[in-house]
Amino acid sequence: MRIKIIIKTDKLPIIYRHRVLSLFKEALKRADQDYKEYLYNGKITKPYSFNIPLPREKIAVKGKIQIDNNFIIEDTIYELKKSFLSLYLSALDYRFLISLFNGIKRTKVFDFSSDENMLVNGEKILWEIKKVIPLNEKPINSDSVLFRTNSPIIVEDAEDKPVLFSDKRFEKELNEVTDRILRSETIKGKGLERPLKFEPIKMNKQVVKHTLKAFREKTGKPIMYLTGNSGIFKLSGHPKDLQILYRIGIGNRTGQGFGMVEVLG
């Protein structure tokens, strides 16, 4: 199941994914506090992925982004005077999606910024929730699917180093990451039915700026640079596994807004 959240706002800083996570937490707190505590109070594999495609009518400018009390950076800010943002969310867990759907509908305005965090040029940003729309998803019945990335796929090896689609290790690392994710009780509870086969069709490397509070506290740095894989590819495997990946995303950090995919054709 998928939903689309229409948001009215004037600006979007290039670093925004961590605030989407805060929106989800706030919405779940409104609709299903017990589930929110279960999902976010521990290292649980998140049963969803999301993406915000930038609207065509945007203007990219440089400005100051106050991430928190310790870090102010100068980076890209997208001005959206005549546009709306579309936040797309895909999930495997119906309790998560239904609770989020209900919680988002009760959230008329989300504080993207606080008094000290995520200020843009010293000003607060508000997200006005205009509409929440259920979307149909495509059933997967074959053992080979043509996918397009909606957000970059992150695949990291055992040393947390990025692995690109052009690397001969990519398919092996993708299988290891996916098997581990599927074994989570929140996803499937068992590994891959059979190994995945990855065939790049039109793929590119994409570097994304991202931040998390735990990262800043651990490293003393304001942002991280994540190397991902974007484009069109064919993925072969068991239809059951492919359907799950379509819903939760592919690769590492899907719960942070990476690896969301769309079925082509």
C-alpha atoms as a PDB file:
ATOM      1  CA  MET A   1       0.000   0.000   0.000  1.00  0.00           C
ATOM      2  CA  ARG A   2       1.153   3.504  -0.800  1.00  0.00           C
ATOM      3  CA  ILE A   3       0.078   7.016   0.089  1.00  0.00           C
ATOM      4  CA  LYS A   4       0.829  10.487  -1.200  1.00  0.00           C
ATOM      5  CA  ILE A   5       0.980  13.436   1.196  1.00  0.00           C
ATOM      6  CA  ILE A   6       0.542  16.900  -0.324  1.00  0.00           C
ATOM      7  CA  ILE A   7       2.477  19.562   1.600  1.00  0.00           C
ATOM      8  CA  LYS A   8       2.446  23.344   1.247  1.00  0.00           C
ATOM      9  CA  THR A   9       5.687  25.058   2.215  1.00  0.00           C
ATOM     10  CA  ASP A  10       7.848  27.909   0.952  1.00  0.00           C
ATOM     11  CA  LYS A  11      11.274  26.294   1.205  1.00  0.00           C
ATOM     12  CA  LEU A  12      12.984  22.926   1.404  1.00  0.00           C
ATOM     13  CA  PRO A  13      16.627  22.627   2.509  1.00  0.00           C
ATOM     14  CA  ILE A  14      18.713  19.987   0.764  1.00  0.00           C
ATOM     15  CA  ILE A  15      18.912  18.138   4.092  1.00  0.00           C
ATOM     16  CA  TYR A  16      15.365  17.122   4.999  1.00  0.00           C
ATOM     17  CA  ARG A  17      14.996  13.339   5.391  1.00  0.00           C
ATOM     18  CA  HIS A  18      15.520  13.321   9.168  1.00  0.00           C
ATOM     19  CA  ARG A  19      12.619  15.746   9.541  1.00  0.00           C
ATOM     20  CA  VAL A  20      10.350  13.409   7.575  1.00  0.00           C
ATOM     21  CA  LEU A  21      11.145  10.799  10.217  1.00  0.00           C
ATOM     22  CA  SER A  22      10.040  13.295  12.876  1.00  0.00           C
ATOM     23  CA  LEU A  23       6.787  13.857  10.978  1.00  0.00           C
ATOM     24  CA  PHE A  24       6.139  10.108  10.968  1.00  0.00           C
ATOM     25  CA  LYS A  25       6.823   9.855  14.703  1.00  0.00           C
ATOM     26  CA  GLU A  26       4.499  12.753  15.462  1.00  0.00           C
ATOM     27  CA  ALA A  27       1.721  11.282  13.312  1.00  0.00           C
ATOM     28  CA  LEU A  28       2.045   7.826  14.888  1.00  0.00           C
ATOM     29  CA  LYS A  29       2.015   9.385  18.353  1.00  0.00           C
ATOM     30  CA  ARG A  30      -1.346  10.957  17.528  1.00  0.00           C
ATOM     31  CA  ALA A  31      -2.880   7.771  16.112  1.00  0.00           C
ATOM     32  CA  ASP A  32      -1.140   4.775  17.728  1.00  0.00           C
ATOM     33  CA  GLN A  33       1.230   5.587  20.591  1.00  0.00           C
ATOM     34  CA  ASP A  34       1.952   1.933  21.415  1.00  0.00           C
ATOM     35  CA  TYR A  35       3.031   1.154  17.864  1.00  0.00           C
ATOM     36  CA  LYS A  36       5.154   4.290  17.710  1.00  0.00           C
ATOM     37  CA  GLU A  37       7.024   3.220  20.850  1.00  0.00           C
ATOM     38  CA  TYR A  38       7.486  -0.286  19.466  1.00  0.00           C
ATOM     39  CA  LEU A  39       8.812   0.865  16.099  1.00  0.00           C
ATOM     40  CA  TYR A  40      11.170   3.638  17.201  1.00  0.00           C
ATOM     41  CA  ASN A  41      12.410   2.630  20.673  1.00  0.00           C
ATOM     42  CA  GLY A  42      15.033   0.202  19.427  1.00  0.00           C
ATOM     43  CA  LYS A  43      16.920  -0.994  16.389  1.00  0.00           C
ATOM     44  CA  ILE A  44      13.955  -2.412  14.507  1.00  0.00           C
ATOM     45  CA  THR A  45      13.983  -2.709  10.720  1.00  0.00           C
ATOM     46  CA  LYS A  46      11.498  -0.141   9.476  1.00  0.00           C
ATOM     47  CA  PRO A  47       8.792  -1.600   7.181  1.00  0.00           C
ATOM     48  CA  TYR A  48       8.635   1.366   4.819  1.00  0.00           C
ATOM     49  CA  SER A  49      10.440   3.672   2.420  1.00  0.00           C
ATOM     50  CA  PHE A  50       9.667   7.203   1.264  1.00  0.00           C
ATOM     51  CA  ASN A  51      10.647   9.857  -1.225  1.00  0.00           C
ATOM     52  CA  ILE A  52      10.087  13.553  -1.949  1.00  0.00           C
ATOM     53  CA  PRO A  53      10.658  14.359  -5.636  1.00  0.00           C
ATOM     54  CA  LEU A  54      11.550  17.997  -6.151  1.00  0.00           C
ATOM     55  CA  PRO A  55       8.893  19.935  -8.087  1.00  0.00           C
ATOM     56  CA  ARG A  56       9.805  21.404 -11.450  1.00  0.00           C
ATOM     57  CA  GLU A  57       8.942  24.934 -10.374  1.00  0.00           C
ATOM     58  CA  LYS A  58      11.728  25.449  -7.877  1.00  0.00           C
ATOM     59  CA  ILE A  59      14.614  27.848  -7.498  1.00  0.00           C
ATOM     60  CA  ALA A  60      17.871  26.612  -5.976  1.00  0.00           C
ATOM     61  CA  VAL A  61      19.675  29.219  -3.866  1.00  0.00           C
ATOM     62  CA  LYS A  62      22.442  29.151  -1.282  1.00  0.00           C
ATOM     63  CA  GLY A  63      21.591  29.930   2.313  1.00  0.00           C
ATOM     64  CA  LYS A  64      22.331  29.187   5.954  1.00  0.00           C
ATOM     65  CA  ILE A  65      20.876  26.023   7.464  1.00  0.00           C
ATOM     66  CA  GLN A  66      21.042  25.758  11.245  1.00  0.00           C
ATOM     67  CA  ILE A  67      20.930  22.015  11.784  1.00  0.00           C
ATOM     68  CA  ASP A  68      21.075  22.351  15.563  1.00  0.00           C
ATOM     69  CA  ASN A  69      22.810  24.392  18.277  1.00  0.00           C
ATOM     70  CA  ASN A  70      26.219  23.139  17.209  1.00  0.00           C
ATOM     71  CA  PHE A  71      26.095  23.244  13.429  1.00  0.00           C
ATOM     72  CA  ILE A  72      25.260  25.941  10.904  1.00  0.00           C
ATOM     73  CA  ILE A  73      26.142  25.186   7.288  1.00  0.00           C
ATOM     74  CA  GLU A  74      25.739  27.023   4.010  1.00  0.00           C
ATOM     75  CA  ASP A  75      24.105  24.848   1.393  1.00  0.00           C
ATOM     76  CA  THR A  76      21.310  24.571  -1.156  1.00  0.00           C
ATOM     77  CA  ILE A  77      17.782  25.667  -0.317  1.00  0.00           C
ATOM     78  CA  TYR A  78      14.929  25.129  -2.766  1.00  0.00           C
ATOM     79  CA  GLU A  79      12.403  27.960  -2.945  1.00  0.00           C
ATOM     80  CA  LEU A  80       8.898  26.692  -3.726  1.00  0.00           C
ATOM     81  CA  LYS A  81       6.757  29.792  -4.045  1.00  0.00           C
ATOM     82  CA  LYS A  82       4.298  28.313  -6.541  1.00  0.00           C
ATOM     83  CA  SER A  83       4.636  24.599  -5.855  1.00  0.00           C
ATOM     84  CA  PHE A  84       3.550  21.898  -3.454  1.00  0.00           C
ATOM     85  CA  LEU A  85       5.682  19.056  -2.143  1.00  0.00           C
ATOM     86  CA  SER A  86       4.571  15.467  -2.679  1.00  0.00           C
ATOM     87  CA  LEU A  87       5.753  12.997  -0.043  1.00  0.00           C
ATOM     88  CA  TYR A  88       5.360   9.418  -1.281  1.00  0.00           C
ATOM     89  CA  LEU A  89       5.333   6.584   1.233  1.00  0.00           C
ATOM     90  CA  SER A  90       5.290   2.829   0.643  1.00  0.00           C
ATOM     91  CA  ALA A  91       4.935   0.260   3.432  1.00  0.00           C
ATOM     92  CA  LEU A  92       4.607  -3.445   4.103  1.00  0.00           C
ATOM     93  CA  ASP A  93       2.959  -3.164   7.533  1.00  0.00           C
ATOM     94  CA  TYR A  94      -0.694  -2.159   7.241  1.00  0.00           C
ATOM     95  CA  ARG A  95      -0.857  -1.118  10.889  1.00  0.00           C
ATOM     96  CA  PHE A  96       1.969   1.330  10.252  1.00  0.00           C
ATOM     97  CA  LEU A  97       0.403   2.759   7.119  1.00  0.00           C
ATOM     98  CA  ILE A  98      -3.138   3.028   8.468  1.00  0.00           C
ATOM     99  CA  SER A  99      -1.927   4.601  11.717  1.00  0.00           C
ATOM    100  CA  LEU A 100       0.283   7.006   9.807  1.00  0.00           C
ATOM    101  CA  PHE A 101      -2.547   7.830   7.401  1.00  0.00           C
ATOM    102  CA  ASN A 102      -4.862   8.697  10.298  1.00  0.00           C
ATOM    103  CA  GLY A 103      -2.172  10.565  12.224  1.00  0.00           C
ATOM    104  CA  ILE A 104      -1.123  12.655   9.231  1.00  0.00           C
ATOM    105  CA  LYS A 105      -4.748  13.638   8.580  1.00  0.00           C
ATOM    106  CA  ARG A 106      -4.940  14.942  12.156  1.00  0.00           C
ATOM    107  CA  THR A 107      -1.694  16.881  11.712  1.00  0.00           C
ATOM    108  CA  LYS A 108      -2.759  20.117  10.085  1.00  0.00           C
ATOM    109  CA  VAL A 109       0.661  21.778  10.437  1.00  0.00           C
ATOM    110  CA  PHE A 110       4.040  20.164  11.103  1.00  0.00           C
ATOM    111  CA  ASP A 111       6.891  22.197  12.567  1.00  0.00           C
ATOM    112  CA  PHE A 112       9.750  21.338  10.206  1.00  0.00           C
ATOM    113  CA  SER A 113      11.871  23.743  12.265  1.00  0.00           C
ATOM    114  CA  SER A 114      12.058  24.400  15.992  1.00  0.00           C
ATOM    115  CA  ASP A 115      13.537  27.344  17.883  1.00  0.00           C
ATOM    116  CA  GLU A 116      17.047  25.944  17.423  1.00  0.00           C
ATOM    117  CA  ASN A 117      16.863  23.169  14.807  1.00  0.00           C
ATOM    118  CA  MET A 118      16.566  23.286  11.008  1.00  0.00           C
ATOM    119  CA  LEU A 119      16.227  27.048  10.723  1.00  0.00           C
ATOM    120  CA  VAL A 120      16.744  28.377   7.199  1.00  0.00           C
ATOM    121  CA  ASN A 121      18.367  31.807   7.087  1.00  0.00           C
ATOM    122  CA  GLY A 122      17.242  32.217  10.691  1.00  0.00           C
ATOM    123  CA  GLU A 123      13.589  31.488   9.902  1.00  0.00           C
ATOM    124  CA  LYS A 124      11.313  28.596  10.805  1.00  0.00           C
ATOM    125  CA  ILE A 125       9.773  26.377   8.142  1.00  0.00           C
ATOM    126  CA  LEU A 126       6.248  25.012   8.473  1.00  0.00           C
ATOM    127  CA  TRP A 127       4.725  22.125   6.530  1.00  0.00           C
ATOM    128  CA  GLU A 128       1.007  22.574   5.975  1.00  0.00           C
ATOM    129  CA  ILE A 129      -0.604  19.193   5.309  1.00  0.00           C
ATOM    130  CA  LYS A 130      -3.105  19.762   2.496  1.00  0.00           C
ATOM    131  CA  LYS A 131      -4.185  16.245   1.550  1.00  0.00           C
ATOM    132  CA  VAL A 132      -3.427  12.549   2.113  1.00  0.00           C
ATOM    133  CA  ILE A 133      -4.188  10.320  -0.876  1.00  0.00           C
ATOM    134  CA  PRO A 134      -4.171   6.481  -0.964  1.00  0.00           C
ATOM    135  CA  LEU A 135      -2.406   5.106  -4.043  1.00  0.00           C
ATOM    136  CA  ASN A 136      -2.686   1.761  -5.800  1.00  0.00           C
ATOM    137  CA  GLU A 137       0.364  -0.465  -5.992  1.00  0.00           C
ATOM    138  CA  LYS A 138       1.201  -2.892  -8.774  1.00  0.00           C
ATOM    139  CA  PRO A 139       1.025  -6.630  -8.007  1.00  0.00           C
ATOM    140  CA  ILE A 140       4.182  -8.617  -8.734  1.00  0.00           C
ATOM    141  CA  ASN A 141       3.553 -12.137 -10.015  1.00  0.00           C
ATOM    142  CA  SER A 142       6.671 -12.804 -12.086  1.00  0.00           C
ATOM    143  CA  ASP A 143      10.225 -13.655 -11.060  1.00  0.00           C
ATOM    144  CA  SER A 144      11.709 -10.695 -12.941  1.00  0.00           C
ATOM    145  CA  VAL A 145      10.702  -7.037 -12.577  1.00  0.00           C
ATOM    146  CA  LEU A 146      11.853  -3.800 -14.188  1.00  0.00           C
ATOM    147  CA  PHE A 147      12.271  -1.184 -11.463  1.00  0.00           C
ATOM    148  CA  ARG A 148      13.070   2.528 -11.399  1.00  0.00           C
ATOM    149  CA  THR A 149      14.500   4.154  -8.298  1.00  0.00           C
ATOM    150  CA  ASN A 150      12.449   6.913  -6.713  1.00  0.00           C
ATOM    151  CA  SER A 151      15.255   7.513  -4.225  1.00  0.00           C
ATOM    152  CA  PRO A 152      18.856   6.242  -4.431  1.00  0.00           C
ATOM    153  CA  ILE A 153      19.596   2.654  -3.406  1.00  0.00           C
ATOM    154  CA  ILE A 154      22.296   2.490  -0.736  1.00  0.00           C
ATOM    155  CA  VAL A 155      24.252  -0.768  -0.505  1.00  0.00           C
ATOM    156  CA  GLU A 156      26.982  -0.919   2.138  1.00  0.00           C
ATOM    157  CA  ASP A 157      29.412  -3.735   2.874  1.00  0.00           C
ATOM    158  CA  ALA A 158      30.371  -5.122   6.291  1.00  0.00           C
ATOM    159  CA  GLU A 159      32.654  -2.119   6.869  1.00  0.00           C
ATOM    160  CA  ASP A 160      29.844   0.351   6.026  1.00  0.00           C
ATOM    161  CA  LYS A 161      31.558   1.264   2.749  1.00  0.00           C
ATOM    162  CA  PRO A 162      29.305   2.023  -0.238  1.00  0.00           C
ATOM    163  CA  VAL A 163      29.148  -0.488  -3.079  1.00  0.00           C
ATOM    164  CA  LEU A 164      28.169   0.788  -6.528  1.00  0.00           C
ATOM    165  CA  PHE A 165      26.161  -1.071  -9.161  1.00  0.00           C
ATOM    166  CA  SER A 166      29.279  -1.157 -11.368  1.00  0.00           C
ATOM    167  CA  ASP A 167      31.276  -3.020  -8.707  1.00  0.00           C
ATOM    168  CA  LYS A 168      31.536  -6.782  -9.266  1.00  0.00           C
ATOM    169  CA  ARG A 169      30.671  -7.234  -5.558  1.00  0.00           C
ATOM    170  CA  PHE A 170      27.362  -5.400  -5.867  1.00  0.00           C
ATOM    171  CA  GLU A 171      25.054  -8.369  -6.430  1.00  0.00           C
ATOM    172  CA  LYS A 172      26.671 -10.351  -3.602  1.00  0.00           C
ATOM    173  CA  GLU A 173      26.425  -7.437  -1.164  1.00  0.00           C
ATOM    174  CA  LEU A 174      22.840  -6.700  -2.236  1.00  0.00           C
ATOM    175  CA  ASN A 175      21.881 -10.305  -1.509  1.00  0.00           C
ATOM    176  CA  GLU A 176      23.523 -10.225   1.911  1.00  0.00           C
ATOM    177  CA  VAL A 177      21.854  -6.945   2.869  1.00  0.00           C
ATOM    178  CA  THR A 178      18.445  -8.070   1.600  1.00  0.00           C
ATOM    179  CA  ASP A 179      18.601 -11.483   3.255  1.00  0.00           C
ATOM    180  CA  ARG A 180      19.414  -9.850   6.586  1.00  0.00           C
ATOM    181  CA  ILE A 181      16.574  -7.328   6.250  1.00  0.00           C
ATOM    182  CA  LEU A 182      13.998  -9.960   5.312  1.00  0.00           C
ATOM    183  CA  ARG A 183      14.922 -12.018   8.380  1.00  0.00           C
ATOM    184  CA  SER A 184      13.681  -9.216  10.621  1.00  0.00           C
ATOM    185  CA  GLU A 185      10.448 -10.038  12.459  1.00  0.00           C
ATOM    186  CA  THR A 186       8.948  -6.753  11.262  1.00  0.00           C
ATOM    187  CA  ILE A 187       9.477  -7.734   7.617  1.00  0.00           C
ATOM    188  CA  LYS A 188       9.286 -11.459   6.836  1.00  0.00           C
ATOM    189  CA  GLY A 189      10.949 -13.458   9.592  1.00  0.00           C
ATOM    190  CA  LYS A 190      12.999 -15.498   7.121  1.00  0.00           C
ATOM    191  CA  GLY A 191      15.573 -14.830   4.420  1.00  0.00           C
ATOM    192  CA  LEU A 192      15.405 -14.778   0.641  1.00  0.00           C
ATOM    193  CA  GLU A 193      13.516 -17.602  -1.043  1.00  0.00           C
ATOM    194  CA  ARG A 194      16.303 -17.636  -3.617  1.00  0.00           C
ATOM    195  CA  PRO A 195      19.202 -15.307  -4.513  1.00  0.00           C
ATOM    196  CA  LEU A 196      18.499 -12.038  -6.293  1.00  0.00           C
ATOM    197  CA  LYS A 197      19.946 -11.273  -9.702  1.00  0.00           C
ATOM    198  CA  PHE A 198      20.592  -7.593 -10.441  1.00  0.00           C
ATOM    199  CA  GLU A 199      20.892  -6.304 -14.009  1.00  0.00           C
ATOM    200  CA  PRO A 200      21.591  -2.560 -14.473  1.00  0.00           C
ATOM    201  CA  ILE A 201      19.771  -1.028 -17.439  1.00  0.00           C
ATOM    202  CA  LYS A 202      20.415   2.686 -17.054  1.00  0.00           C
ATOM    203  CA  MET A 203      22.076   3.345 -13.716  1.00  0.00           C
ATOM    204  CA  ASN A 204      24.073   6.227 -12.283  1.00  0.00           C
ATOM    205  CA  LYS A 205      26.006   7.046  -9.139  1.00  0.00           C
ATOM    206  CA  GLN A 206      24.336   9.626  -6.888  1.00  0.00           C
ATOM    207  CA  VAL A 207      25.788  11.276  -3.783  1.00  0.00           C
ATOM    208  CA  VAL A 208      23.270  12.489  -1.189  1.00  0.00           C
ATOM    209  CA  LYS A 209      23.754  14.755   1.827  1.00  0.00           C
ATOM    210  CA  HIS A 210      22.061  13.471   4.951  1.00  0.00           C
ATOM    211  CA  THR A 211      22.147  14.001   8.709  1.00  0.00           C
ATOM    212  CA  LEU A 212      21.066  12.273  11.900  1.00  0.00           C
ATOM    213  CA  LYS A 213      21.467  13.352  15.514  1.00  0.00           C
ATOM    214  CA  ALA A 214      23.368  10.178  16.427  1.00  0.00           C
ATOM    215  CA  PHE A 215      25.791  10.741  13.541  1.00  0.00           C
ATOM    216  CA  ARG A 216      26.500  14.327  14.587  1.00  0.00           C
ATOM    217  CA  GLU A 217      27.077  13.341  18.205  1.00  0.00           C
ATOM    218  CA  LYS A 218      29.380  10.466  17.253  1.00  0.00           C
ATOM    219  CA  THR A 219      31.472  12.163  14.563  1.00  0.00           C
ATOM    220  CA  GLY A 220      31.300  15.863  15.403  1.00  0.00           C
ATOM    221  CA  LYS A 221      30.361  16.517  11.773  1.00  0.00           C
ATOM    222  CA  PRO A 222      27.174  18.226  10.563  1.00  0.00           C
ATOM    223  CA  ILE A 223      26.365  15.993   7.590  1.00  0.00           C
ATOM    224  CA  MET A 224      27.212  12.661   6.020  1.00  0.00           C
ATOM    225  CA  TYR A 225      27.701  11.953   2.319  1.00  0.00           C
ATOM    226  CA  LEU A 226      25.979   8.776   1.148  1.00  0.00           C
ATOM    227  CA  THR A 227      26.857   7.220  -2.203  1.00  0.00           C
ATOM    228  CA  GLY A 228      23.852   5.618  -3.864  1.00  0.00           C
ATOM    229  CA  ASN A 229      22.623   4.040  -7.078  1.00  0.00           C
ATOM    230  CA  SER A 230      19.864   5.626  -9.167  1.00  0.00           C
ATOM    231  CA  GLY A 231      18.145   4.681 -12.406  1.00  0.00           C
ATOM    232  CA  ILE A 232      16.491   1.704 -14.085  1.00  0.00           C
ATOM    233  CA  PHE A 233      17.351  -1.931 -13.445  1.00  0.00           C
ATOM    234  CA  LYS A 234      15.950  -5.440 -13.668  1.00  0.00           C
ATOM    235  CA  LEU A 235      15.727  -7.497 -10.503  1.00  0.00           C
ATOM    236  CA  SER A 236      15.073 -11.237 -10.579  1.00  0.00           C
ATOM    237  CA  GLY A 237      14.113 -13.436  -7.656  1.00  0.00           C
ATOM    238  CA  HIS A 238      11.102 -15.024  -5.985  1.00  0.00           C
ATOM    239  CA  PRO A 239       7.899 -12.987  -6.604  1.00  0.00           C
ATOM    240  CA  LYS A 240       7.163 -12.940  -2.860  1.00  0.00           C
ATOM    241  CA  ASP A 241      10.528 -11.329  -2.120  1.00  0.00           C
ATOM    242  CA  LEU A 242      10.229  -8.881  -5.018  1.00  0.00           C
ATOM    243  CA  GLN A 243       6.801  -7.764  -3.763  1.00  0.00           C
ATOM    244  CA  ILE A 244       8.202  -7.126  -0.280  1.00  0.00           C
ATOM    245  CA  LEU A 245      11.126  -5.119  -1.679  1.00  0.00           C
ATOM    246  CA  TYR A 246       8.706  -3.082  -3.791  1.00  0.00           C
ATOM    247  CA  ARG A 247       6.901  -2.150  -0.567  1.00  0.00           C
ATOM    248  CA  ILE A 248       9.790  -1.559   1.850  1.00  0.00           C
ATOM    249  CA  GLY A 249      12.489  -0.394  -0.555  1.00  0.00           C
ATOM    250  CA  ILE A 250      15.819  -1.930  -1.549  1.00  0.00           C
ATOM    251  CA  GLY A 251      19.163  -1.747   0.237  1.00  0.00           C
ATOM    252  CA  ASN A 252      20.321  -0.052   3.427  1.00  0.00           C
ATOM    253  CA  ARG A 253      18.681   2.949   5.116  1.00  0.00           C
ATOM    254  CA  THR A 254      15.274   2.501   3.475  1.00  0.00           C
ATOM    255  CA  GLY A 255      13.602   3.796   6.637  1.00  0.00           C
ATOM    256  CA  GLN A 256      15.612   7.018   6.233  1.00  0.00           C
ATOM    257  CA  GLY A 257      14.251   7.741   2.755  1.00  0.00           C
ATOM    258  CA  PHE A 258      16.461   5.650   0.483  1.00  0.00           C
ATOM    259  CA  GLY A 259      15.813   2.721  -1.851  1.00  0.00           C
ATOM    260  CA  MET A 260      12.189   3.424  -2.761  1.00  0.00           C
ATOM    261  CA  VAL A 261      11.376   1.915  -6.162  1.00  0.00           C
ATOM    262  CA  GLU A 262       8.610   1.947  -8.751  1.00  0.00           C
ATOM    263  CA  VAL A 263       7.557  -0.880 -11.073  1.00  0.00           C
ATOM    264  CA  LEU A 264       7.853  -0.001 -14.764  1.00  0.00           C
ATOM    265  CA  GLY A 265       5.637  -1.479 -17.454  1.00  0.00           C
END
